[in-house]
N, C-alpha and C. Protein backbone atom coordinates (compact mmCIF):
# COMPACT_ATOMS: atom_id res chain seq x y z
N MET A 1 105.40 94.44 75.74
CA MET A 1 105.04 94.44 77.16
C MET A 1 106.02 93.53 77.88
N PHE A 2 106.60 94.03 78.95
CA PHE A 2 107.55 93.26 79.73
C PHE A 2 107.00 93.03 81.12
N LEU A 3 106.90 91.76 81.51
CA LEU A 3 106.48 91.39 82.86
C LEU A 3 107.50 90.40 83.40
N HIS A 4 107.84 90.58 84.66
CA HIS A 4 108.82 89.69 85.30
C HIS A 4 108.22 89.16 86.59
N VAL A 5 108.29 87.84 86.75
CA VAL A 5 107.75 87.19 87.95
C VAL A 5 108.91 86.63 88.76
N GLU A 6 108.97 87.01 90.03
CA GLU A 6 109.96 86.48 90.97
C GLU A 6 109.32 85.31 91.70
N ARG A 7 109.69 84.10 91.35
CA ARG A 7 109.07 82.91 91.94
C ARG A 7 109.34 82.78 93.44
N GLY A 8 110.49 83.18 93.91
CA GLY A 8 110.84 83.02 95.32
C GLY A 8 110.42 84.20 96.19
N SER A 9 109.73 85.16 95.62
CA SER A 9 109.36 86.37 96.34
C SER A 9 108.24 86.09 97.34
N SER A 10 108.20 86.89 98.38
CA SER A 10 107.11 86.79 99.35
C SER A 10 105.84 87.46 98.81
N VAL A 11 105.98 88.23 97.74
CA VAL A 11 104.83 88.88 97.10
C VAL A 11 104.16 87.86 96.18
N PRO A 12 102.86 87.64 96.35
CA PRO A 12 102.17 86.66 95.50
C PRO A 12 102.33 86.99 94.01
N ILE A 13 102.42 85.95 93.20
CA ILE A 13 102.62 86.12 91.76
C ILE A 13 101.51 86.98 91.16
N SER A 14 100.28 86.76 91.59
CA SER A 14 99.17 87.54 91.03
C SER A 14 99.35 89.02 91.32
N ARG A 15 99.83 89.36 92.50
CA ARG A 15 100.05 90.77 92.84
C ARG A 15 101.21 91.34 92.03
N GLN A 16 102.28 90.55 91.84
CA GLN A 16 103.41 91.01 91.04
C GLN A 16 102.95 91.37 89.63
N ILE A 17 102.18 90.49 89.02
CA ILE A 17 101.71 90.71 87.65
C ILE A 17 100.77 91.91 87.60
N ALA A 18 99.81 91.95 88.51
CA ALA A 18 98.83 93.04 88.53
C ALA A 18 99.51 94.39 88.71
N GLU A 19 100.47 94.48 89.63
CA GLU A 19 101.15 95.75 89.87
C GLU A 19 101.96 96.19 88.66
N GLN A 20 102.60 95.24 87.99
CA GLN A 20 103.38 95.59 86.81
C GLN A 20 102.47 96.06 85.67
N LEU A 21 101.37 95.35 85.44
CA LEU A 21 100.43 95.77 84.41
C LEU A 21 99.83 97.13 84.74
N ARG A 22 99.45 97.32 86.01
CA ARG A 22 98.87 98.59 86.45
C ARG A 22 99.86 99.73 86.19
N SER A 23 101.10 99.52 86.59
CA SER A 23 102.13 100.55 86.40
C SER A 23 102.34 100.87 84.93
N GLN A 24 102.36 99.83 84.10
CA GLN A 24 102.58 100.05 82.67
C GLN A 24 101.40 100.79 82.03
N CYS A 25 100.20 100.53 82.51
CA CYS A 25 99.03 101.28 82.02
C CYS A 25 99.10 102.73 82.48
N LEU A 26 99.43 102.94 83.74
CA LEU A 26 99.42 104.29 84.31
C LEU A 26 100.54 105.17 83.77
N THR A 27 101.70 104.57 83.49
CA THR A 27 102.83 105.37 83.02
C THR A 27 102.83 105.58 81.52
N GLY A 28 101.96 104.88 80.82
CA GLY A 28 101.91 105.03 79.37
C GLY A 28 102.80 104.06 78.62
N MET A 29 103.49 103.18 79.34
CA MET A 29 104.27 102.15 78.64
C MET A 29 103.34 101.31 77.76
N LEU A 30 102.14 101.05 78.28
CA LEU A 30 101.08 100.43 77.48
C LEU A 30 100.18 101.57 77.04
N LYS A 31 100.07 101.78 75.76
CA LYS A 31 99.32 102.91 75.21
C LYS A 31 97.81 102.63 75.21
N PRO A 32 97.00 103.67 75.42
CA PRO A 32 95.55 103.51 75.31
C PRO A 32 95.18 102.89 73.96
N GLY A 33 94.31 101.88 74.01
CA GLY A 33 93.90 101.19 72.80
C GLY A 33 94.77 100.01 72.43
N GLU A 34 95.93 99.88 73.10
CA GLU A 34 96.84 98.76 72.81
C GLU A 34 96.20 97.45 73.25
N LYS A 35 96.33 96.45 72.40
CA LYS A 35 95.78 95.13 72.71
C LYS A 35 96.76 94.35 73.57
N LEU A 36 96.25 93.77 74.64
CA LEU A 36 97.07 92.94 75.54
C LEU A 36 97.01 91.50 75.07
N PRO A 37 97.97 90.68 75.50
CA PRO A 37 97.91 89.25 75.15
C PRO A 37 96.63 88.64 75.71
N SER A 38 96.15 87.60 75.07
CA SER A 38 94.98 86.90 75.59
C SER A 38 95.33 86.30 76.94
N VAL A 39 94.32 85.92 77.68
CA VAL A 39 94.53 85.30 78.99
C VAL A 39 95.43 84.08 78.85
N ARG A 40 95.12 83.24 77.88
CA ARG A 40 95.92 82.02 77.68
C ARG A 40 97.35 82.32 77.26
N GLU A 41 97.51 83.30 76.36
CA GLU A 41 98.86 83.65 75.91
C GLU A 41 99.71 84.15 77.07
N LEU A 42 99.16 85.06 77.87
CA LEU A 42 99.92 85.62 78.98
C LEU A 42 100.22 84.55 80.03
N ALA A 43 99.24 83.70 80.30
CA ALA A 43 99.46 82.61 81.27
C ALA A 43 100.59 81.71 80.80
N GLN A 44 100.61 81.42 79.51
CA GLN A 44 101.66 80.56 78.96
C GLN A 44 103.02 81.25 79.02
N GLN A 45 103.07 82.55 78.65
CA GLN A 45 104.33 83.30 78.67
C GLN A 45 104.94 83.34 80.07
N LEU A 46 104.06 83.51 81.07
CA LEU A 46 104.54 83.66 82.45
C LEU A 46 104.56 82.35 83.23
N ALA A 47 104.07 81.29 82.60
CA ALA A 47 103.99 79.97 83.24
C ALA A 47 103.18 80.03 84.54
N VAL A 48 101.98 80.62 84.42
CA VAL A 48 101.05 80.70 85.55
C VAL A 48 99.71 80.14 85.11
N ASN A 49 98.83 79.94 86.06
CA ASN A 49 97.51 79.40 85.79
C ASN A 49 96.66 80.42 85.03
N VAL A 50 95.87 79.92 84.09
CA VAL A 50 94.99 80.77 83.28
C VAL A 50 94.03 81.55 84.18
N ASN A 51 93.53 80.92 85.24
CA ASN A 51 92.60 81.59 86.15
C ASN A 51 93.25 82.77 86.86
N THR A 52 94.54 82.66 87.13
CA THR A 52 95.28 83.75 87.77
C THR A 52 95.26 84.98 86.87
N VAL A 53 95.58 84.79 85.60
CA VAL A 53 95.61 85.90 84.65
C VAL A 53 94.20 86.46 84.47
N PHE A 54 93.21 85.58 84.37
CA PHE A 54 91.83 86.04 84.20
C PHE A 54 91.39 86.92 85.36
N ARG A 55 91.70 86.52 86.59
CA ARG A 55 91.33 87.32 87.77
C ARG A 55 92.05 88.68 87.76
N ILE A 56 93.32 88.67 87.33
CA ILE A 56 94.08 89.93 87.25
C ILE A 56 93.43 90.86 86.23
N TYR A 57 93.10 90.33 85.07
CA TYR A 57 92.45 91.13 84.04
C TYR A 57 91.11 91.68 84.54
N GLU A 58 90.35 90.85 85.22
CA GLU A 58 89.06 91.31 85.76
C GLU A 58 89.26 92.45 86.76
N ARG A 59 90.26 92.31 87.64
CA ARG A 59 90.53 93.33 88.65
C ARG A 59 90.94 94.65 87.99
N LEU A 60 91.81 94.57 86.99
CA LEU A 60 92.26 95.78 86.31
C LEU A 60 91.12 96.41 85.49
N ALA A 61 90.23 95.58 84.98
CA ALA A 61 89.06 96.11 84.27
C ALA A 61 88.14 96.84 85.25
N ALA A 62 87.98 96.28 86.45
CA ALA A 62 87.16 96.92 87.47
C ALA A 62 87.75 98.27 87.89
N GLU A 63 89.07 98.39 87.82
CA GLU A 63 89.75 99.65 88.14
C GLU A 63 89.69 100.64 86.98
N GLY A 64 89.20 100.18 85.83
CA GLY A 64 89.08 101.05 84.67
C GLY A 64 90.37 101.22 83.89
N LEU A 65 91.33 100.34 84.11
CA LEU A 65 92.60 100.44 83.40
C LEU A 65 92.60 99.69 82.08
N ILE A 66 91.86 98.59 82.03
CA ILE A 66 91.76 97.82 80.79
C ILE A 66 90.29 97.50 80.52
N GLU A 67 90.03 97.10 79.29
CA GLU A 67 88.67 96.75 78.90
C GLU A 67 88.69 95.35 78.30
N LEU A 68 87.81 94.49 78.81
CA LEU A 68 87.67 93.13 78.29
C LEU A 68 86.55 93.14 77.26
N ARG A 69 86.88 92.86 76.02
CA ARG A 69 85.87 92.82 74.95
C ARG A 69 85.67 91.36 74.56
N HIS A 70 84.53 90.83 74.93
CA HIS A 70 84.24 89.42 74.69
C HIS A 70 84.40 89.09 73.20
N GLY A 71 85.24 88.12 72.91
CA GLY A 71 85.46 87.68 71.54
C GLY A 71 86.43 88.53 70.75
N ASP A 72 86.87 89.65 71.30
CA ASP A 72 87.76 90.55 70.57
C ASP A 72 89.12 90.70 71.25
N GLY A 73 89.15 90.63 72.56
CA GLY A 73 90.42 90.75 73.27
C GLY A 73 90.36 91.73 74.43
N THR A 74 91.53 92.04 74.94
CA THR A 74 91.67 92.93 76.09
C THR A 74 92.50 94.13 75.66
N TYR A 75 92.01 95.33 75.97
CA TYR A 75 92.63 96.56 75.51
C TYR A 75 92.87 97.52 76.67
N VAL A 76 93.91 98.34 76.53
CA VAL A 76 94.22 99.36 77.53
C VAL A 76 93.24 100.52 77.34
N CYS A 77 92.65 100.97 78.44
CA CYS A 77 91.71 102.10 78.41
C CYS A 77 92.47 103.42 78.43
N PRO A 78 91.84 104.49 77.94
CA PRO A 78 92.45 105.82 78.06
C PRO A 78 92.64 106.18 79.53
N ARG A 79 93.71 106.94 79.81
CA ARG A 79 93.98 107.35 81.20
C ARG A 79 92.97 108.38 81.64
N ARG A 80 92.61 108.28 82.90
CA ARG A 80 91.65 109.21 83.50
C ARG A 80 92.32 109.89 84.70
N THR A 81 91.60 110.82 85.27
CA THR A 81 92.11 111.52 86.46
C THR A 81 92.35 110.54 87.59
N GLN A 82 91.46 109.56 87.76
CA GLN A 82 91.63 108.57 88.81
C GLN A 82 92.93 107.79 88.60
N ALA A 83 93.23 107.48 87.35
CA ALA A 83 94.45 106.76 87.04
C ALA A 83 95.67 107.59 87.42
N ASN A 84 95.59 108.90 87.19
CA ASN A 84 96.71 109.77 87.56
C ASN A 84 96.93 109.77 89.07
N SER A 85 95.86 109.73 89.86
CA SER A 85 96.02 109.69 91.31
C SER A 85 96.58 108.33 91.75
N GLN A 86 96.20 107.27 91.03
CA GLN A 86 96.77 105.95 91.34
C GLN A 86 98.27 105.94 91.05
N LEU A 87 98.65 106.57 89.94
CA LEU A 87 100.07 106.65 89.60
C LEU A 87 100.82 107.43 90.67
N ALA A 88 100.26 108.53 91.13
CA ALA A 88 100.90 109.33 92.18
C ALA A 88 101.07 108.51 93.45
N ALA A 89 100.05 107.72 93.79
CA ALA A 89 100.13 106.87 94.98
C ALA A 89 101.20 105.81 94.82
N GLN A 90 101.29 105.21 93.63
CA GLN A 90 102.32 104.20 93.39
C GLN A 90 103.71 104.80 93.46
N ARG A 91 103.86 105.99 92.90
CA ARG A 91 105.18 106.64 92.94
C ARG A 91 105.57 106.99 94.38
N ASP A 92 104.59 107.43 95.16
CA ASP A 92 104.85 107.75 96.56
C ASP A 92 105.30 106.50 97.32
N ARG A 93 104.59 105.38 97.10
CA ARG A 93 104.96 104.13 97.75
C ARG A 93 106.36 103.68 97.32
N PHE A 94 106.64 103.81 96.00
CA PHE A 94 107.96 103.45 95.50
C PHE A 94 109.03 104.29 96.17
N GLN A 95 108.80 105.59 96.31
CA GLN A 95 109.79 106.48 96.92
C GLN A 95 110.09 106.06 98.36
N ARG A 96 109.04 105.73 99.11
CA ARG A 96 109.25 105.29 100.50
C ARG A 96 110.05 103.98 100.54
N GLU A 97 109.69 103.03 99.66
CA GLU A 97 110.39 101.75 99.63
C GLU A 97 111.85 101.92 99.20
N PHE A 98 112.07 102.80 98.21
CA PHE A 98 113.42 103.06 97.74
C PHE A 98 114.27 103.69 98.85
N ASP A 99 113.69 104.67 99.53
CA ASP A 99 114.41 105.32 100.63
C ASP A 99 114.76 104.30 101.72
N ALA A 100 113.84 103.39 102.01
CA ALA A 100 114.10 102.36 103.02
C ALA A 100 115.22 101.43 102.57
N LEU A 101 115.25 101.08 101.27
CA LEU A 101 116.32 100.22 100.76
C LEU A 101 117.68 100.91 100.85
N VAL A 102 117.72 102.19 100.52
CA VAL A 102 118.98 102.94 100.61
C VAL A 102 119.45 102.97 102.05
N GLN A 103 118.54 103.24 102.96
CA GLN A 103 118.91 103.29 104.37
C GLN A 103 119.41 101.92 104.85
N GLN A 104 118.72 100.87 104.44
CA GLN A 104 119.14 99.52 104.82
C GLN A 104 120.52 99.21 104.25
N GLY A 105 120.76 99.60 103.00
CA GLY A 105 122.06 99.38 102.39
C GLY A 105 123.18 100.09 103.14
N MET A 106 122.90 101.32 103.56
CA MET A 106 123.91 102.07 104.31
C MET A 106 124.17 101.43 105.67
N MET A 107 123.11 100.92 106.29
CA MET A 107 123.28 100.24 107.58
C MET A 107 124.09 98.95 107.42
N LEU A 108 124.04 98.35 106.23
CA LEU A 108 124.82 97.14 105.97
C LEU A 108 126.25 97.44 105.54
N GLY A 109 126.59 98.73 105.46
CA GLY A 109 127.96 99.11 105.18
C GLY A 109 128.24 99.51 103.74
N TYR A 110 127.23 99.59 102.90
CA TYR A 110 127.46 100.03 101.53
C TYR A 110 127.72 101.53 101.53
N SER A 111 128.66 101.94 100.70
CA SER A 111 128.93 103.38 100.55
C SER A 111 127.94 103.94 99.52
N ALA A 112 127.88 105.26 99.47
CA ALA A 112 127.00 105.91 98.49
C ALA A 112 127.42 105.51 97.07
N ALA A 113 128.72 105.42 96.84
CA ALA A 113 129.22 105.04 95.50
C ALA A 113 128.81 103.61 95.16
N GLU A 114 128.87 102.72 96.13
CA GLU A 114 128.46 101.33 95.88
C GLU A 114 126.96 101.24 95.60
N LEU A 115 126.17 102.02 96.32
CA LEU A 115 124.73 102.04 96.07
C LEU A 115 124.41 102.59 94.68
N ARG A 116 125.14 103.66 94.27
CA ARG A 116 124.95 104.23 92.93
C ARG A 116 125.31 103.20 91.86
N ALA A 117 126.41 102.49 92.08
CA ALA A 117 126.85 101.47 91.11
C ALA A 117 125.80 100.36 90.99
N ARG A 118 125.24 99.97 92.13
CA ARG A 118 124.21 98.92 92.11
C ARG A 118 122.96 99.41 91.38
N LEU A 119 122.58 100.68 91.60
CA LEU A 119 121.43 101.26 90.91
C LEU A 119 121.67 101.29 89.40
N THR A 120 122.86 101.69 88.99
CA THR A 120 123.21 101.73 87.57
C THR A 120 123.16 100.35 86.96
N ALA A 121 123.67 99.35 87.68
CA ALA A 121 123.64 97.97 87.18
C ALA A 121 122.20 97.46 87.07
N ALA A 122 121.38 97.76 88.06
CA ALA A 122 119.99 97.33 88.04
C ALA A 122 119.24 97.98 86.88
N GLU A 123 119.55 99.25 86.63
CA GLU A 123 118.92 99.96 85.52
C GLU A 123 119.30 99.31 84.19
N ALA A 124 120.57 98.96 84.03
CA ALA A 124 121.03 98.31 82.80
C ALA A 124 120.36 96.95 82.62
N GLU A 125 120.22 96.20 83.71
CA GLU A 125 119.56 94.89 83.64
C GLU A 125 118.09 95.04 83.24
N ALA A 126 117.42 96.04 83.80
CA ALA A 126 116.01 96.27 83.47
C ALA A 126 115.85 96.69 82.01
N GLU A 127 116.74 97.54 81.52
CA GLU A 127 116.70 97.96 80.11
C GLU A 127 116.93 96.77 79.19
N ALA A 128 117.90 95.91 79.52
CA ALA A 128 118.19 94.74 78.70
C ALA A 128 117.00 93.79 78.66
N ALA A 129 116.38 93.59 79.81
CA ALA A 129 115.20 92.70 79.88
C ALA A 129 114.05 93.29 79.09
N ALA A 130 113.86 94.61 79.16
CA ALA A 130 112.77 95.26 78.42
C ALA A 130 113.02 95.16 76.92
N CYS A 131 114.26 95.35 76.49
CA CYS A 131 114.60 95.23 75.06
C CYS A 131 114.39 93.80 74.58
N LYS A 132 114.77 92.85 75.40
CA LYS A 132 114.60 91.44 75.04
C LYS A 132 113.13 91.08 74.89
N SER A 133 112.28 91.63 75.75
CA SER A 133 110.85 91.31 75.69
C SER A 133 110.18 91.94 74.48
N ARG A 134 110.75 93.03 73.95
CA ARG A 134 110.18 93.70 72.78
C ARG A 134 110.47 92.93 71.49
N GLN A 135 111.44 92.04 71.53
CA GLN A 135 111.86 91.31 70.31
C GLN A 135 110.90 90.21 69.97
């Protein structure tokens, strides 16, 4: 499982973590039945407060994406139809945000080739970070 927190972002850390976990559950990166790190383990890995992780886990459990099993751990739930609609909504939001970024880049003078190069570089960075987190 790969999670990345941008400390200087205007997006609250709890939302960053929750959105990444939600996306990984919805896209199948986290498989149904897969055990997630304990609240303490994840808090330590991300250098955040234990209560922050606990609230995120509770919220995702309320959405039906994960299951908290007292004394046993936290597990990814099987995907449901509702989860598929959440994924579609997230993809739609991503598409709008991506389109806005491309438009902003062009207004700043980036060419289509420069934008493609930046996308390729960002993809490589994301793949490297994901591979590193799997080790």
